Amino acid sequence: MHVKRKIKRIYESVQDDDGLRVLIDRLWPRGVSKAKAQLDEWMKNVAPSPELRTQFNHKPERFAAFAQAYRRELSEDAEKQQAVRQLLDWNRTQNVTLLYAAKDPNCNHARVLLHYLDEKEAPEQS
């Protein structure tokens, strides 16, 4: 069985291949009911710290510095490390979709987390 991991905005429609749907934002997205979200998990603890989110403020020119700082948080924060391990464990047996609310599909924490998970998983595949 080939499983995959992807990211998408929580405002997009649910797809059959989403698998486990995990919201990775610290704050609940505006205008989305819990029923419409169709979440399996909400992992607030894997989201960037409030300080980091505020510094970034979704400004593309700050994305590189934000991504570096967020990767550092993912590597050094015990709660975030536990969440990363859980996401990798789930993804061994099923598709996992990381859901986020940010408007920019390229400059957001979900993309950083997706790449981070890919890198963490890479040594296990060899």
PDB file of N, CA and C in Angstrom:
ATOM      1  N   MET A   1       0.847  -1.191   0.000  1.00  0.00           N
ATOM      2  CA  MET A   1       0.000   0.000   0.000  1.00  0.00           C
ATOM      3  C   MET A   1       0.887   1.246   0.000  1.00  0.00           C
ATOM      4  N   HIS A   2       0.665   2.128  -0.942  1.00  0.00           N
ATOM      5  CA  HIS A   2       1.418   3.376  -1.020  1.00  0.00           C
ATOM      6  C   HIS A   2       0.611   4.475  -0.352  1.00  0.00           C
ATOM      7  N   VAL A   3       1.195   5.077   0.680  1.00  0.00           N
ATOM      8  CA  VAL A   3       0.506   6.164   1.378  1.00  0.00           C
ATOM      9  C   VAL A   3       1.201   7.474   1.045  1.00  0.00           C
ATOM     10  N   LYS A   4       0.446   8.550   1.144  1.00  0.00           N
ATOM     11  CA  LYS A   4       1.031   9.853   0.825  1.00  0.00           C
ATOM     12  C   LYS A   4       0.645  10.869   1.886  1.00  0.00           C
ATOM     13  N   ARG A   5       1.351  11.973   1.817  1.00  0.00           N
ATOM     14  CA  ARG A   5       1.130  13.071   2.744  1.00  0.00           C
ATOM     15  C   ARG A   5       0.999  14.322   1.881  1.00  0.00           C
ATOM     16  N   LYS A   6       0.041  15.177   2.226  1.00  0.00           N
ATOM     17  CA  LYS A   6      -0.146  16.405   1.454  1.00  0.00           C
ATOM     18  C   LYS A   6      -0.656  17.506   2.363  1.00  0.00           C
ATOM     19  N   ILE A   7      -0.641  18.717   1.821  1.00  0.00           N
ATOM     20  CA  ILE A   7      -1.202  19.859   2.536  1.00  0.00           C
ATOM     21  C   ILE A   7      -2.318  20.449   1.686  1.00  0.00           C
ATOM     22  N   LYS A   8      -3.270  21.081   2.373  1.00  0.00           N
ATOM     23  CA  LYS A   8      -4.304  21.832   1.652  1.00  0.00           C
ATOM     24  C   LYS A   8      -5.016  22.757   2.624  1.00  0.00           C
ATOM     25  N   ARG A   9      -5.616  23.782   2.045  1.00  0.00           N
ATOM     26  CA  ARG A   9      -6.374  24.722   2.867  1.00  0.00           C
ATOM     27  C   ARG A   9      -7.616  24.029   3.410  1.00  0.00           C
ATOM     28  N   ILE A  10      -7.948  24.368   4.624  1.00  0.00           N
ATOM     29  CA  ILE A  10      -9.109  23.760   5.255  1.00  0.00           C
ATOM     30  C   ILE A  10     -10.394  24.165   4.539  1.00  0.00           C
ATOM     31  N   TYR A  11     -10.336  25.239   3.747  1.00  0.00           N
ATOM     32  CA  TYR A  11     -11.513  25.719   3.025  1.00  0.00           C
ATOM     33  C   TYR A  11     -11.787  24.919   1.753  1.00  0.00           C
ATOM     34  N   GLU A  12     -10.840  24.068   1.348  1.00  0.00           N
ATOM     35  CA  GLU A  12     -11.037  23.227   0.166  1.00  0.00           C
ATOM     36  C   GLU A  12     -11.931  22.045   0.530  1.00  0.00           C
ATOM     37  N   SER A  13     -12.581  21.492  -0.474  1.00  0.00           N
ATOM     38  CA  SER A  13     -13.493  20.388  -0.211  1.00  0.00           C
ATOM     39  C   SER A  13     -12.738  19.115   0.174  1.00  0.00           C
ATOM     40  N   VAL A  14     -13.421  18.288   0.917  1.00  0.00           N
ATOM     41  CA  VAL A  14     -12.869  17.003   1.349  1.00  0.00           C
ATOM     42  C   VAL A  14     -12.785  16.081   0.134  1.00  0.00           C
ATOM     43  N   GLN A  15     -11.667  15.365   0.002  1.00  0.00           N
ATOM     44  CA  GLN A  15     -11.475  14.408  -1.094  1.00  0.00           C
ATOM     45  C   GLN A  15     -11.348  13.000  -0.523  1.00  0.00           C
ATOM     46  N   ASP A  16     -11.696  12.020  -1.324  1.00  0.00           N
ATOM     47  CA  ASP A  16     -11.611  10.630  -0.878  1.00  0.00           C
ATOM     48  C   ASP A  16     -10.205  10.231  -0.466  1.00  0.00           C
ATOM     49  N   ASP A  17      -9.196  10.798  -1.135  1.00  0.00           N
ATOM     50  CA  ASP A  17      -7.823  10.393  -0.829  1.00  0.00           C
ATOM     51  C   ASP A  17      -7.169  11.244   0.274  1.00  0.00           C
ATOM     52  N   ASP A  18      -7.943  12.088   0.965  1.00  0.00           N
ATOM     53  CA  ASP A  18      -7.379  12.884   2.058  1.00  0.00           C
ATOM     54  C   ASP A  18      -6.844  11.999   3.179  1.00  0.00           C
ATOM     55  N   GLY A  19      -7.488  10.891   3.420  1.00  0.00           N
ATOM     56  CA  GLY A  19      -7.076  10.052   4.545  1.00  0.00           C
ATOM     57  C   GLY A  19      -7.358  10.767   5.851  1.00  0.00           C
ATOM     58  N   LEU A  20      -6.397  10.694   6.759  1.00  0.00           N
ATOM     59  CA  LEU A  20      -6.516  11.343   8.053  1.00  0.00           C
ATOM     60  C   LEU A  20      -6.371  12.845   7.861  1.00  0.00           C
ATOM     61  N   ARG A  21      -7.364  13.602   8.287  1.00  0.00           N
ATOM     62  CA  ARG A  21      -7.359  15.060   8.121  1.00  0.00           C
ATOM     63  C   ARG A  21      -6.956  15.702   9.443  1.00  0.00           C
ATOM     64  N   VAL A  22      -5.806  16.410   9.417  1.00  0.00           N
ATOM     65  CA  VAL A  22      -5.228  16.964  10.640  1.00  0.00           C
ATOM     66  C   VAL A  22      -5.056  18.472  10.488  1.00  0.00           C
ATOM     67  N   LEU A  23      -5.767  19.240  11.309  1.00  0.00           N
ATOM     68  CA  LEU A  23      -5.593  20.688  11.338  1.00  0.00           C
ATOM     69  C   LEU A  23      -4.313  20.984  12.112  1.00  0.00           C
ATOM     70  N   ILE A  24      -3.405  21.768  11.506  1.00  0.00           N
ATOM     71  CA  ILE A  24      -2.114  22.053  12.137  1.00  0.00           C
ATOM     72  C   ILE A  24      -1.977  23.532  12.483  1.00  0.00           C
ATOM     73  N   ASP A  25      -3.076  24.241  12.613  1.00  0.00           N
ATOM     74  CA  ASP A  25      -3.084  25.644  13.032  1.00  0.00           C
ATOM     75  C   ASP A  25      -3.338  25.716  14.535  1.00  0.00           C
ATOM     76  N   ARG A  26      -2.769  26.711  15.165  1.00  0.00           N
ATOM     77  CA  ARG A  26      -2.986  26.916  16.597  1.00  0.00           C
ATOM     78  C   ARG A  26      -4.384  27.484  16.854  1.00  0.00           C
ATOM     79  N   LEU A  27      -4.863  28.317  15.928  1.00  0.00           N
ATOM     80  CA  LEU A  27      -6.176  28.946  16.075  1.00  0.00           C
ATOM     81  C   LEU A  27      -7.180  28.298  15.127  1.00  0.00           C
ATOM     82  N   TRP A  28      -8.425  28.228  15.557  1.00  0.00           N
ATOM     83  CA  TRP A  28      -9.469  27.657  14.705  1.00  0.00           C
ATOM     84  C   TRP A  28      -9.709  28.597  13.520  1.00  0.00           C
ATOM     85  N   PRO A  29      -9.795  28.053  12.298  1.00  0.00           N
ATOM     86  CA  PRO A  29      -9.986  28.905  11.109  1.00  0.00           C
ATOM     87  C   PRO A  29     -11.347  29.602  11.086  1.00  0.00           C
ATOM     88  N   ARG A  30     -11.326  30.858  10.663  1.00  0.00           N
ATOM     89  CA  ARG A  30     -12.556  31.641  10.587  1.00  0.00           C
ATOM     90  C   ARG A  30     -13.522  31.051   9.571  1.00  0.00           C
ATOM     91  N   GLY A  31     -14.793  31.064   9.937  1.00  0.00           N
ATOM     92  CA  GLY A  31     -15.840  30.692   9.001  1.00  0.00           C
ATOM     93  C   GLY A  31     -15.957  29.203   8.709  1.00  0.00           C
ATOM     94  N   VAL A  32     -15.281  28.356   9.477  1.00  0.00           N
ATOM     95  CA  VAL A  32     -15.350  26.911   9.249  1.00  0.00           C
ATOM     96  C   VAL A  32     -15.993  26.265  10.471  1.00  0.00           C
ATOM     97  N   SER A  33     -17.102  25.592  10.241  1.00  0.00           N
ATOM     98  CA  SER A  33     -17.731  24.874  11.353  1.00  0.00           C
ATOM     99  C   SER A  33     -16.986  23.567  11.588  1.00  0.00           C
ATOM    100  N   LYS A  34     -17.103  23.037  12.785  1.00  0.00           N
ATOM    101  CA  LYS A  34     -16.448  21.760  13.090  1.00  0.00           C
ATOM    102  C   LYS A  34     -16.988  20.664  12.174  1.00  0.00           C
ATOM    103  N   ALA A  35     -18.285  20.714  11.859  1.00  0.00           N
ATOM    104  CA  ALA A  35     -18.865  19.703  10.975  1.00  0.00           C
ATOM    105  C   ALA A  35     -18.291  19.803   9.560  1.00  0.00           C
ATOM    106  N   LYS A  36     -18.177  21.025   9.044  1.00  0.00           N
ATOM    107  CA  LYS A  36     -17.663  21.209   7.686  1.00  0.00           C
ATOM    108  C   LYS A  36     -16.181  20.826   7.581  1.00  0.00           C
ATOM    109  N   ALA A  37     -15.432  21.032   8.656  1.00  0.00           N
ATOM    110  CA  ALA A  37     -13.998  20.744   8.642  1.00  0.00           C
ATOM    111  C   ALA A  37     -13.720  19.251   8.478  1.00  0.00           C
ATOM    112  N   GLN A  38     -14.598  18.423   9.002  1.00  0.00           N
ATOM    113  CA  GLN A  38     -14.427  16.967   8.944  1.00  0.00           C
ATOM    114  C   GLN A  38     -13.025  16.554   9.372  1.00  0.00           C
ATOM    115  N   LEU A  39     -12.615  17.038  10.534  1.00  0.00           N
ATOM    116  CA  LEU A  39     -11.287  16.758  11.061  1.00  0.00           C
ATOM    117  C   LEU A  39     -11.237  15.413  11.767  1.00  0.00           C
ATOM    118  N   ASP A  40     -10.069  14.811  11.705  1.00  0.00           N
ATOM    119  CA  ASP A  40      -9.798  13.641  12.535  1.00  0.00           C
ATOM    120  C   ASP A  40      -8.995  14.059  13.764  1.00  0.00           C
ATOM    121  N   GLU A  41      -8.127  15.062  13.582  1.00  0.00           N
ATOM    122  CA  GLU A  41      -7.280  15.548  14.674  1.00  0.00           C
ATOM    123  C   GLU A  41      -7.055  17.040  14.522  1.00  0.00           C
ATOM    124  N   TRP A  42      -6.810  17.698  15.645  1.00  0.00           N
ATOM    125  CA  TRP A  42      -6.386  19.088  15.652  1.00  0.00           C
ATOM    126  C   TRP A  42      -5.111  19.142  16.481  1.00  0.00           C
ATOM    127  N   MET A  43      -3.986  19.334  15.827  1.00  0.00           N
ATOM    128  CA  MET A  43      -2.686  19.338  16.493  1.00  0.00           C
ATOM    129  C   MET A  43      -2.168  20.765  16.631  1.00  0.00           C
ATOM    130  N   LYS A  44      -2.686  21.476  17.629  1.00  0.00           N
ATOM    131  CA  LYS A  44      -2.257  22.854  17.877  1.00  0.00           C
ATOM    132  C   LYS A  44      -0.773  22.914  18.219  1.00  0.00           C
ATOM    133  N   ASN A  45      -0.286  21.872  18.901  1.00  0.00           N
ATOM    134  CA  ASN A  45       1.083  21.901  19.417  1.00  0.00           C
ATOM    135  C   ASN A  45       2.156  21.796  18.341  1.00  0.00           C
ATOM    136  N   VAL A  46       1.799  21.454  17.095  1.00  0.00           N
ATOM    137  CA  VAL A  46       2.799  21.400  16.026  1.00  0.00           C
ATOM    138  C   VAL A  46       2.886  22.735  15.270  1.00  0.00           C
ATOM    139  N   ALA A  47       1.955  23.613  15.541  1.00  0.00           N
ATOM    140  CA  ALA A  47       1.936  24.927  14.878  1.00  0.00           C
ATOM    141  C   ALA A  47       3.084  25.805  15.395  1.00  0.00           C
ATOM    142  N   PRO A  48       3.476  26.798  14.615  1.00  0.00           N
ATOM    143  CA  PRO A  48       4.512  27.728  15.094  1.00  0.00           C
ATOM    144  C   PRO A  48       4.065  28.428  16.372  1.00  0.00           C
ATOM    145  N   SER A  49       5.030  28.807  17.184  1.00  0.00           N
ATOM    146  CA  SER A  49       4.718  29.535  18.420  1.00  0.00           C
ATOM    147  C   SER A  49       4.001  30.847  18.076  1.00  0.00           C
ATOM    148  N   PRO A  50       3.199  31.350  19.003  1.00  0.00           N
ATOM    149  CA  PRO A  50       2.525  32.627  18.747  1.00  0.00           C
ATOM    150  C   PRO A  50       3.514  33.748  18.406  1.00  0.00           C
ATOM    151  N   GLU A  51       4.672  33.766  19.059  1.00  0.00           N
ATOM    152  CA  GLU A  51       5.672  34.799  18.787  1.00  0.00           C
ATOM    153  C   GLU A  51       6.170  34.706  17.343  1.00  0.00           C
ATOM    154  N   LEU A  52       6.464  33.499  16.913  1.00  0.00           N
ATOM    155  CA  LEU A  52       6.964  33.296  15.557  1.00  0.00           C
ATOM    156  C   LEU A  52       5.891  33.645  14.522  1.00  0.00           C
ATOM    157  N   ARG A  53       4.672  33.250  14.779  1.00  0.00           N
ATOM    158  CA  ARG A  53       3.558  33.552  13.868  1.00  0.00           C
ATOM    159  C   ARG A  53       3.370  35.065  13.740  1.00  0.00           C
ATOM    160  N   THR A  54       3.481  35.771  14.863  1.00  0.00           N
ATOM    161  CA  THR A  54       3.324  37.223  14.857  1.00  0.00           C
ATOM    162  C   THR A  54       4.468  37.895  14.087  1.00  0.00           C
ATOM    163  N   GLN A  55       5.697  37.420  14.291  1.00  0.00           N
ATOM    164  CA  GLN A  55       6.845  37.986  13.566  1.00  0.00           C
ATOM    165  C   GLN A  55       6.687  37.799  12.054  1.00  0.00           C
ATOM    166  N   PHE A  56       6.259  36.618  11.646  1.00  0.00           N
ATOM    167  CA  PHE A  56       6.100  36.307  10.224  1.00  0.00           C
ATOM    168  C   PHE A  56       4.976  37.134   9.612  1.00  0.00           C
ATOM    169  N   ASN A  57       3.814  37.121  10.255  1.00  0.00           N
ATOM    170  CA  ASN A  57       2.647  37.895   9.836  1.00  0.00           C
ATOM    171  C   ASN A  57       2.293  37.678   8.359  1.00  0.00           C
ATOM    172  N   HIS A  58       2.576  36.501   7.835  1.00  0.00           N
ATOM    173  CA  HIS A  58       2.253  36.113   6.457  1.00  0.00           C
ATOM    174  C   HIS A  58       2.825  37.059   5.402  1.00  0.00           C
ATOM    175  N   LYS A  59       3.976  37.612   5.683  1.00  0.00           N
ATOM    176  CA  LYS A  59       4.659  38.493   4.722  1.00  0.00           C
ATOM    177  C   LYS A  59       5.695  37.651   3.966  1.00  0.00           C
ATOM    178  N   PRO A  60       5.532  37.517   2.644  1.00  0.00           N
ATOM    179  CA  PRO A  60       6.437  36.663   1.862  1.00  0.00           C
ATOM    180  C   PRO A  60       7.922  36.990   2.045  1.00  0.00           C
ATOM    181  N   GLU A  61       8.254  38.267   2.231  1.00  0.00           N
ATOM    182  CA  GLU A  61       9.667  38.634   2.386  1.00  0.00           C
ATOM    183  C   GLU A  61      10.256  38.126   3.708  1.00  0.00           C
ATOM    184  N   ARG A  62       9.400  37.726   4.633  1.00  0.00           N
ATOM    185  CA  ARG A  62       9.859  37.183   5.913  1.00  0.00           C
ATOM    186  C   ARG A  62       9.832  35.650   5.939  1.00  0.00           C
ATOM    187  N   PHE A  63       9.404  35.036   4.838  1.00  0.00           N
ATOM    188  CA  PHE A  63       9.175  33.588   4.847  1.00  0.00           C
ATOM    189  C   PHE A  63      10.447  32.786   5.085  1.00  0.00           C
ATOM    190  N   ALA A  64      11.544  33.133   4.460  1.00  0.00           N
ATOM    191  CA  ALA A  64      12.781  32.350   4.618  1.00  0.00           C
ATOM    192  C   ALA A  64      13.228  32.333   6.080  1.00  0.00           C
ATOM    193  N   ALA A  65      13.214  33.482   6.720  1.00  0.00           N
ATOM    194  CA  ALA A  65      13.599  33.551   8.135  1.00  0.00           C
ATOM    195  C   ALA A  65      12.592  32.802   8.998  1.00  0.00           C
ATOM    196  N   PHE A  66      11.305  32.943   8.676  1.00  0.00           N
ATOM    197  CA  PHE A  66      10.263  32.226   9.402  1.00  0.00           C
ATOM    198  C   PHE A  66      10.460  30.718   9.284  1.00  0.00           C
ATOM    199  N   ALA A  67      10.692  30.234   8.062  1.00  0.00           N
ATOM    200  CA  ALA A  67      10.853  28.798   7.836  1.00  0.00           C
ATOM    201  C   ALA A  67      12.027  28.256   8.643  1.00  0.00           C
ATOM    202  N   GLN A  68      13.120  28.986   8.661  1.00  0.00           N
ATOM    203  CA  GLN A  68      14.300  28.558   9.419  1.00  0.00           C
ATOM    204  C   GLN A  68      13.981  28.496  10.919  1.00  0.00           C
ATOM    205  N   ALA A  69      13.320  29.515  11.422  1.00  0.00           N
ATOM    206  CA  ALA A  69      12.979  29.564  12.850  1.00  0.00           C
ATOM    207  C   ALA A  69      11.960  28.472  13.203  1.00  0.00           C
ATOM    208  N   TYR A  70      10.988  28.241  12.333  1.00  0.00           N
ATOM    209  CA  TYR A  70       9.983  27.204  12.592  1.00  0.00           C
ATOM    210  C   TYR A  70      10.624  25.816  12.576  1.00  0.00           C
ATOM    211  N   ARG A  71      11.534  25.565  11.657  1.00  0.00           N
ATOM    212  CA  ARG A  71      12.250  24.280  11.630  1.00  0.00           C
ATOM    213  C   ARG A  71      13.039  24.088  12.930  1.00  0.00           C
ATOM    214  N   ARG A  72      13.612  25.166  13.437  1.00  0.00           N
ATOM    215  CA  ARG A  72      14.333  25.088  14.706  1.00  0.00           C
ATOM    216  C   ARG A  72      13.367  24.708  15.829  1.00  0.00           C
ATOM    217  N   GLU A  73      12.179  25.336  15.835  1.00  0.00           N
ATOM    218  CA  GLU A  73      11.173  24.966  16.842  1.00  0.00           C
ATOM    219  C   GLU A  73      10.799  23.497  16.723  1.00  0.00           C
ATOM    220  N   LEU A  74      10.594  23.027  15.498  1.00  0.00           N
ATOM    221  CA  LEU A  74      10.214  21.627  15.284  1.00  0.00           C
ATOM    222  C   LEU A  74      11.298  20.678  15.800  1.00  0.00           C
ATOM    223  N   SER A  75      12.538  21.087  15.699  1.00  0.00           N
ATOM    224  CA  SER A  75      13.663  20.245  16.124  1.00  0.00           C
ATOM    225  C   SER A  75      13.931  20.306  17.618  1.00  0.00           C
ATOM    226  N   GLU A  76      13.598  21.432  18.248  1.00  0.00           N
ATOM    227  CA  GLU A  76      14.010  21.641  19.634  1.00  0.00           C
ATOM    228  C   GLU A  76      12.884  21.552  20.651  1.00  0.00           C
ATOM    229  N   ASP A  77      11.656  21.759  20.255  1.00  0.00           N
ATOM    230  CA  ASP A  77      10.524  21.760  21.178  1.00  0.00           C
ATOM    231  C   ASP A  77       9.999  20.335  21.359  1.00  0.00           C
ATOM    232  N   ALA A  78       9.945  19.878  22.609  1.00  0.00           N
ATOM    233  CA  ALA A  78       9.550  18.491  22.897  1.00  0.00           C
ATOM    234  C   ALA A  78       8.123  18.179  22.428  1.00  0.00           C
ATOM    235  N   GLU A  79       7.195  19.102  22.638  1.00  0.00           N
ATOM    236  CA  GLU A  79       5.809  18.872  22.203  1.00  0.00           C
ATOM    237  C   GLU A  79       5.714  18.771  20.684  1.00  0.00           C
ATOM    238  N   LYS A  80       6.441  19.632  19.999  1.00  0.00           N
ATOM    239  CA  LYS A  80       6.431  19.595  18.533  1.00  0.00           C
ATOM    240  C   LYS A  80       7.078  18.306  18.035  1.00  0.00           C
ATOM    241  N   GLN A  81       8.141  17.858  18.691  1.00  0.00           N
ATOM    242  CA  GLN A  81       8.791  16.609  18.301  1.00  0.00           C
ATOM    243  C   GLN A  81       7.837  15.423  18.474  1.00  0.00           C
ATOM    244  N   GLN A  82       7.078  15.426  19.539  1.00  0.00           N
ATOM    245  CA  GLN A  82       6.095  14.368  19.764  1.00  0.00           C
ATOM    246  C   GLN A  82       5.024  14.384  18.670  1.00  0.00           C
ATOM    247  N   ALA A  83       4.571  15.563  18.301  1.00  0.00           N
ATOM    248  CA  ALA A  83       3.569  15.696  17.234  1.00  0.00           C
ATOM    249  C   ALA A  83       4.134  15.213  15.900  1.00  0.00           C
ATOM    250  N   VAL A  84       5.391  15.547  15.610  1.00  0.00           N
ATOM    251  CA  VAL A  84       6.041  15.095  14.378  1.00  0.00           C
ATOM    252  C   VAL A  84       6.090  13.570  14.346  1.00  0.00           C
ATOM    253  N   ARG A  85       6.490  12.961  15.455  1.00  0.00           N
ATOM    254  CA  ARG A  85       6.531  11.485  15.513  1.00  0.00           C
ATOM    255  C   ARG A  85       5.141  10.887  15.272  1.00  0.00           C
ATOM    256  N   GLN A  86       4.110  11.515  15.860  1.00  0.00           N
ATOM    257  CA  GLN A  86       2.744  11.010  15.680  1.00  0.00           C
ATOM    258  C   GLN A  86       2.317  11.106  14.217  1.00  0.00           C
ATOM    259  N   LEU A  87       2.605  12.229  13.575  1.00  0.00           N
ATOM    260  CA  LEU A  87       2.253  12.401  12.159  1.00  0.00           C
ATOM    261  C   LEU A  87       2.958  11.362  11.296  1.00  0.00           C
ATOM    262  N   LEU A  88       4.235  11.122  11.564  1.00  0.00           N
ATOM    263  CA  LEU A  88       4.984  10.116  10.803  1.00  0.00           C
ATOM    264  C   LEU A  88       4.422   8.712  11.043  1.00  0.00           C
ATOM    265  N   ASP A  89       4.051   8.427  12.285  1.00  0.00           N
ATOM    266  CA  ASP A  89       3.457   7.115  12.596  1.00  0.00           C
ATOM    267  C   ASP A  89       2.150   6.900  11.838  1.00  0.00           C
ATOM    268  N   TRP A  90       1.280   7.910  11.877  1.00  0.00           N
ATOM    269  CA  TRP A  90       0.003   7.793  11.155  1.00  0.00           C
ATOM    270  C   TRP A  90       0.241   7.572   9.672  1.00  0.00           C
ATOM    271  N   ASN A  91       1.224   8.273   9.139  1.00  0.00           N
ATOM    272  CA  ASN A  91       1.461   8.244   7.705  1.00  0.00           C
ATOM    273  C   ASN A  91       2.087   6.931   7.222  1.00  0.00           C
ATOM    274  N   ARG A  92       2.510   6.097   8.130  1.00  0.00           N
ATOM    275  CA  ARG A  92       3.049   4.788   7.729  1.00  0.00           C
ATOM    276  C   ARG A  92       1.951   3.868   7.199  1.00  0.00           C
ATOM    277  N   THR A  93       0.700   4.102   7.647  1.00  0.00           N
ATOM    278  CA  THR A  93      -0.383   3.197   7.276  1.00  0.00           C
ATOM    279  C   THR A  93      -1.532   3.857   6.530  1.00  0.00           C
ATOM    280  N   GLN A  94      -1.513   5.179   6.413  1.00  0.00           N
ATOM    281  CA  GLN A  94      -2.626   5.861   5.754  1.00  0.00           C
ATOM    282  C   GLN A  94      -2.186   7.218   5.216  1.00  0.00           C
ATOM    283  N   ASN A  95      -2.955   7.721   4.269  1.00  0.00           N
ATOM    284  CA  ASN A  95      -2.733   9.079   3.773  1.00  0.00           C
ATOM    285  C   ASN A  95      -2.991  10.056   4.911  1.00  0.00           C
ATOM    286  N   VAL A  96      -2.218  11.121   4.934  1.00  0.00           N
ATOM    287  CA  VAL A  96      -2.402  12.179   5.928  1.00  0.00           C
ATOM    288  C   VAL A  96      -2.437  13.511   5.193  1.00  0.00           C
ATOM    289  N   THR A  97      -3.478  14.292   5.464  1.00  0.00           N
ATOM    290  CA  THR A  97      -3.600  15.630   4.892  1.00  0.00           C
ATOM    291  C   THR A  97      -3.465  16.648   6.014  1.00  0.00           C
ATOM    292  N   LEU A  98      -2.462  17.513   5.876  1.00  0.00           N
ATOM    293  CA  LEU A  98      -2.228  18.581   6.839  1.00  0.00           C
ATOM    294  C   LEU A  98      -3.031  19.797   6.387  1.00  0.00           C
ATOM    295  N   LEU A  99      -3.933  20.242   7.226  1.00  0.00           N
ATOM    296  CA  LEU A  99      -4.840  21.334   6.883  1.00  0.00           C
ATOM    297  C   LEU A  99      -4.406  22.632   7.552  1.00  0.00           C
ATOM    298  N   TYR A 100      -4.492  23.719   6.790  1.00  0.00           N
ATOM    299  CA  TYR A 100      -4.101  25.037   7.282  1.00  0.00           C
ATOM    300  C   TYR A 100      -5.076  26.066   6.734  1.00  0.00           C
ATOM    301  N   ALA A 101      -5.085  27.253   7.348  1.00  0.00           N
ATOM    302  CA  ALA A 101      -6.022  28.300   6.925  1.00  0.00           C
ATOM    303  C   ALA A 101      -5.366  29.432   6.140  1.00  0.00           C
ATOM    304  N   ALA A 102      -4.057  29.529   6.156  1.00  0.00           N
ATOM    305  CA  ALA A 102      -3.361  30.646   5.492  1.00  0.00           C
ATOM    306  C   ALA A 102      -3.784  30.760   4.027  1.00  0.00           C
ATOM    307  N   LYS A 103      -3.813  31.993   3.524  1.00  0.00           N
ATOM    308  CA  LYS A 103      -4.241  32.232   2.139  1.00  0.00           C
ATOM    309  C   LYS A 103      -3.175  31.876   1.115  1.00  0.00           C
ATOM    310  N   ASP A 104      -1.911  32.102   1.451  1.00  0.00           N
ATOM    311  CA  ASP A 104      -0.815  31.871   0.506  1.00  0.00           C
ATOM    312  C   ASP A 104      -0.434  30.392   0.497  1.00  0.00           C
ATOM    313  N   PRO A 105      -0.581  29.706  -0.647  1.00  0.00           N
ATOM    314  CA  PRO A 105      -0.289  28.272  -0.693  1.00  0.00           C
ATOM    315  C   PRO A 105       1.210  27.948  -0.661  1.00  0.00           C
ATOM    316  N   ASN A 106       2.051  28.947  -0.858  1.00  0.00           N
ATOM    317  CA  ASN A 106       3.499  28.716  -0.890  1.00  0.00           C
ATOM    318  C   ASN A 106       4.230  29.199   0.355  1.00  0.00           C
ATOM    319  N   CYS A 107       3.776  30.274   0.938  1.00  0.00           N
ATOM    320  CA  CYS A 107       4.441  30.843   2.112  1.00  0.00           C
ATOM    321  C   CYS A 107       3.581  30.611   3.346  1.00  0.00           C
ATOM    322  N   ASN A 108       3.661  29.400   3.879  1.00  0.00           N
ATOM    323  CA  ASN A 108       2.893  29.078   5.076  1.00  0.00           C
ATOM    324  C   ASN A 108       3.589  27.972   5.861  1.00  0.00           C
ATOM    325  N   HIS A 109       3.206  27.809   7.107  1.00  0.00           N
ATOM    326  CA  HIS A 109       3.867  26.824   7.968  1.00  0.00           C
ATOM    327  C   HIS A 109       3.593  25.384   7.544  1.00  0.00           C
ATOM    328  N   ALA A 110       2.471  25.141   6.894  1.00  0.00           N
ATOM    329  CA  ALA A 110       2.149  23.775   6.454  1.00  0.00           C
ATOM    330  C   ALA A 110       3.187  23.278   5.450  1.00  0.00           C
ATOM    331  N   ARG A 111       3.601  24.150   4.548  1.00  0.00           N
ATOM    332  CA  ARG A 111       4.615  23.773   3.553  1.00  0.00           C
ATOM    333  C   ARG A 111       5.944  23.450   4.245  1.00  0.00           C
ATOM    334  N   VAL A 112       6.322  24.256   5.237  1.00  0.00           N
ATOM    335  CA  VAL A 112       7.558  24.004   5.986  1.00  0.00           C
ATOM    336  C   VAL A 112       7.455  22.665   6.711  1.00  0.00           C
ATOM    337  N   LEU A 113       6.320  22.428   7.361  1.00  0.00           N
ATOM    338  CA  LEU A 113       6.127  21.169   8.092  1.00  0.00           C
ATOM    339  C   LEU A 113       6.152  19.973   7.145  1.00  0.00           C
ATOM    340  N   LEU A 114       5.524  20.100   5.994  1.00  0.00           N
ATOM    341  CA  LEU A 114       5.516  19.014   5.010  1.00  0.00           C
ATOM    342  C   LEU A 114       6.946  18.636   4.610  1.00  0.00           C
ATOM    343  N   HIS A 115       7.764  19.620   4.293  1.00  0.00           N
ATOM    344  CA  HIS A 115       9.160  19.360   3.924  1.00  0.00           C
ATOM    345  C   HIS A 115       9.941  18.763   5.095  1.00  0.00           C
ATOM    346  N   TYR A 116       9.676  19.259   6.280  1.00  0.00           N
ATOM    347  CA  TYR A 116      10.343  18.751   7.479  1.00  0.00           C
ATOM    348  C   TYR A 116      10.011  17.268   7.679  1.00  0.00           C
ATOM    349  N   LEU A 117       8.740  16.915   7.537  1.00  0.00           N
ATOM    350  CA  LEU A 117       8.319  15.513   7.676  1.00  0.00           C
ATOM    351  C   LEU A 117       8.964  14.646   6.598  1.00  0.00           C
ATOM    352  N   ASP A 118       9.012  15.160   5.374  1.00  0.00           N
ATOM    353  CA  ASP A 118       9.644  14.411   4.281  1.00  0.00           C
ATOM    354  C   ASP A 118      11.107  14.116   4.611  1.00  0.00           C
ATOM    355  N   GLU A 119      11.796  15.111   5.149  1.00  0.00           N
ATOM    356  CA  GLU A 119      13.208  14.921   5.501  1.00  0.00           C
ATOM    357  C   GLU A 119      13.375  13.948   6.656  1.00  0.00           C
ATOM    358  N   LYS A 120      12.503  14.010   7.638  1.00  0.00           N
ATOM    359  CA  LYS A 120      12.580  13.103   8.779  1.00  0.00           C
ATOM    360  C   LYS A 120      12.336  11.662   8.363  1.00  0.00           C
ATOM    361  N   GLU A 121      11.479  11.486   7.377  1.00  0.00           N
ATOM    362  CA  GLU A 121      11.114  10.148   6.928  1.00  0.00           C
ATOM    363  C   GLU A 121      12.171   9.555   6.001  1.00  0.00           C
ATOM    364  N   ALA A 122      12.886  10.377   5.281  1.00  0.00           N
ATOM    365  CA  ALA A 122      13.826   9.917   4.257  1.00  0.00           C
ATOM    366  C   ALA A 122      14.822   8.864   4.754  1.00  0.00           C
ATOM    367  N   PRO A 123      15.491   9.041   5.897  1.00  0.00           N
ATOM    368  CA  PRO A 123      16.466   8.027   6.323  1.00  0.00           C
ATOM    369  C   PRO A 123      15.831   6.671   6.604  1.00  0.00           C
ATOM    370  N   GLU A 124      14.560   6.676   7.044  1.00  0.00           N
ATOM    371  CA  GLU A 124      13.881   5.419   7.356  1.00  0.00           C
ATOM    372  C   GLU A 124      13.597   4.603   6.101  1.00  0.00           C
ATOM    373  N   GLN A 125      13.525   5.252   4.939  1.00  0.00           N
ATOM    374  CA  GLN A 125      13.169   4.547   3.708  1.00  0.00           C
ATOM    375  C   GLN A 125      14.368   3.861   3.082  1.00  0.00           C
ATOM    376  N   SER A 126      15.587   4.215   3.454  1.00  0.00           N
ATOM    377  CA  SER A 126      16.767   3.641   2.811  1.00  0.00           C
ATOM    378  C   SER A 126      17.176   2.327   3.439  1.00  0.00           C
TER     379      SER A 126
END
